[in-house]
C-alpha atoms as a PDB file:
ATOM      1  CA  MET A   1      -9.948 -16.145 -13.143  1.00  0.00           C
ATOM      2  CA  CYS A   2      -9.392 -13.594 -10.415  1.00  0.00           C
ATOM      3  CA  THR A   3      -9.818 -14.410  -6.768  1.00  0.00           C
ATOM      4  CA  ILE A   4     -10.138 -11.708  -4.106  1.00  0.00           C
ATOM      5  CA  THR A   5      -9.509 -12.632  -0.497  1.00  0.00           C
ATOM      6  CA  LEU A   6      -9.999 -10.351   2.488  1.00  0.00           C
ATOM      7  CA  SER A   7      -7.587 -11.069   5.305  1.00  0.00           C
ATOM      8  CA  LYS A   8      -6.494  -9.823   8.695  1.00  0.00           C
ATOM      9  CA  SER A   9      -3.014 -11.255   8.081  1.00  0.00           C
ATOM     10  CA  ASP A  10       0.077  -9.082   8.183  1.00  0.00           C
ATOM     11  CA  ALA A  11       0.008  -7.374   4.779  1.00  0.00           C
ATOM     12  CA  ALA A  12       3.791  -7.173   4.600  1.00  0.00           C
ATOM     13  CA  GLY A  13       4.176 -10.936   4.829  1.00  0.00           C
ATOM     14  CA  VAL A  14       1.502 -12.387   2.603  1.00  0.00           C
ATOM     15  CA  ARG A  15       2.305 -14.188  -0.645  1.00  0.00           C
ATOM     16  CA  THR A  16      -0.026 -12.788  -3.287  1.00  0.00           C
ATOM     17  CA  ASP A  17      -0.144 -11.011  -6.609  1.00  0.00           C
ATOM     18  CA  ALA A  18      -1.240  -7.726  -5.054  1.00  0.00           C
ATOM     19  CA  VAL A  19      -1.929  -6.152  -1.703  1.00  0.00           C
ATOM     20  CA  VAL A  20      -4.531  -3.352  -1.825  1.00  0.00           C
ATOM     21  CA  ILE A  21      -4.607  -0.708   0.884  1.00  0.00           C
ATOM     22  CA  GLY A  22      -6.583   2.426   1.369  1.00  0.00           C
ATOM     23  CA  VAL A  23      -4.798   5.734   1.831  1.00  0.00           C
ATOM     24  CA  VAL A  24      -6.175   9.088   2.873  1.00  0.00           C
ATOM     25  CA  LYS A  25      -5.559  12.720   2.066  1.00  0.00           C
ATOM     26  CA  VAL A  26      -4.373  14.750   5.031  1.00  0.00           C
ATOM     27  CA  GLY A  27      -3.511  18.385   4.447  1.00  0.00           C
ATOM     28  CA  GLY A  28      -1.801  18.471   1.088  1.00  0.00           C
ATOM     29  CA  GLY A  29      -0.543  14.925   0.956  1.00  0.00           C
ATOM     30  CA  VAL A  30      -1.092  11.214   1.318  1.00  0.00           C
ATOM     31  CA  ALA A  31      -1.272   9.495   4.733  1.00  0.00           C
ATOM     32  CA  LEU A  32      -1.448   5.862   5.817  1.00  0.00           C
ATOM     33  CA  PRO A  33      -4.366   4.685   7.932  1.00  0.00           C
ATOM     34  CA  ALA A  34      -4.073   2.591  11.104  1.00  0.00           C
ATOM     35  CA  GLY A  35      -3.257  -1.028  10.409  1.00  0.00           C
ATOM     36  CA  THR A  36      -0.552  -0.370   7.801  1.00  0.00           C
ATOM     37  CA  GLU A  37       2.355  -0.078  10.260  1.00  0.00           C
ATOM     38  CA  SER A  38       4.021  -3.391   9.335  1.00  0.00           C
ATOM     39  CA  LEU A  39       3.656  -2.632   5.642  1.00  0.00           C
ATOM     40  CA  ASN A  40       5.230   0.771   6.149  1.00  0.00           C
ATOM     41  CA  ALA A  41       8.069  -0.892   8.089  1.00  0.00           C
ATOM     42  CA  ALA A  42       8.640  -3.268   5.154  1.00  0.00           C
ATOM     43  CA  TYR A  43       9.396  -0.154   3.087  1.00  0.00           C
ATOM     44  CA  GLY A  44      11.882   1.039   5.668  1.00  0.00           C
ATOM     45  CA  GLY A  45       9.332   3.420   7.203  1.00  0.00           C
ATOM     46  CA  LYS A  46       9.223   5.414   3.974  1.00  0.00           C
ATOM     47  CA  LEU A  47       6.005   4.264   2.295  1.00  0.00           C
ATOM     48  CA  VAL A  48       4.480   7.749   2.418  1.00  0.00           C
ATOM     49  CA  GLU A  49       7.611   9.129   0.751  1.00  0.00           C
ATOM     50  CA  VAL A  50       7.454   6.404  -1.906  1.00  0.00           C
ATOM     51  CA  LEU A  51       3.784   7.087  -2.643  1.00  0.00           C
ATOM     52  CA  SER A  52       4.277  10.858  -2.612  1.00  0.00           C
ATOM     53  CA  GLY A  53       7.240  10.510  -4.955  1.00  0.00           C
ATOM     54  CA  LEU A  54       4.936   8.763  -7.413  1.00  0.00           C
ATOM     55  CA  GLY A  55       2.455  11.616  -7.195  1.00  0.00           C
ATOM     56  CA  ALA A  56      -0.031  10.036  -4.755  1.00  0.00           C
ATOM     57  CA  THR A  57      -2.139  12.515  -2.821  1.00  0.00           C
ATOM     58  CA  GLY A  58      -4.739  10.255  -1.211  1.00  0.00           C
ATOM     59  CA  LYS A  59      -7.469  11.848  -3.260  1.00  0.00           C
ATOM     60  CA  THR A  60     -10.680   9.807  -3.549  1.00  0.00           C
ATOM     61  CA  GLY A  61     -10.508   7.416  -6.519  1.00  0.00           C
ATOM     62  CA  GLU A  62      -6.769   7.809  -7.046  1.00  0.00           C
ATOM     63  CA  VAL A  63      -4.804   4.556  -7.587  1.00  0.00           C
ATOM     64  CA  THR A  64      -1.054   4.240  -7.175  1.00  0.00           C
ATOM     65  CA  LYS A  65       0.902   1.019  -7.861  1.00  0.00           C
ATOM     66  CA  VAL A  66       4.224   0.236  -6.229  1.00  0.00           C
ATOM     67  CA  PRO A  67       6.443  -2.858  -6.458  1.00  0.00           C
ATOM     68  CA  GLY A  68       5.964  -5.148  -3.451  1.00  0.00           C
ATOM     69  CA  PRO A  69       8.264  -4.639  -0.482  1.00  0.00           C
ATOM     70  CA  LYS A  70       9.717  -8.148  -0.247  1.00  0.00           C
ATOM     71  CA  PRO A  71      10.923 -10.378  -3.097  1.00  0.00           C
ATOM     72  CA  GLY A  72       8.856 -13.591  -3.235  1.00  0.00           C
ATOM     73  CA  LYS A  73       5.898 -12.091  -1.386  1.00  0.00           C
ATOM     74  CA  SER A  74       3.397  -9.637  -2.831  1.00  0.00           C
ATOM     75  CA  ALA A  75       4.296  -8.575  -6.334  1.00  0.00           C
ATOM     76  CA  THR A  76       2.516  -5.233  -6.195  1.00  0.00           C
ATOM     77  CA  LEU A  77       1.158  -2.804  -3.618  1.00  0.00           C
ATOM     78  CA  VAL A  78      -1.932  -0.941  -4.805  1.00  0.00           C
ATOM     79  CA  ALA A  79      -2.766   2.183  -2.784  1.00  0.00           C
ATOM     80  CA  VAL A  80      -6.286   3.526  -3.336  1.00  0.00           C
ATOM     81  CA  GLY A  81      -7.507   6.907  -2.202  1.00  0.00           C
END
């Protein structure tokens, strides 16, 4: 059974199977919305580069999966346009 929990906790520090974030298209590429700063920091400030490298554009309906930033915490980051 799948359980979905909405939380205001720091996304970079939660222990879960997946963290799902929204991303947006700005210009010709993907951008992170407000509230994802700590998650970006967990990727060394390079989350946009990671997502772009995997072909993410932020287009509506697009889904990009990335391994979680910290071992033992979230297993997967799911970025949804």
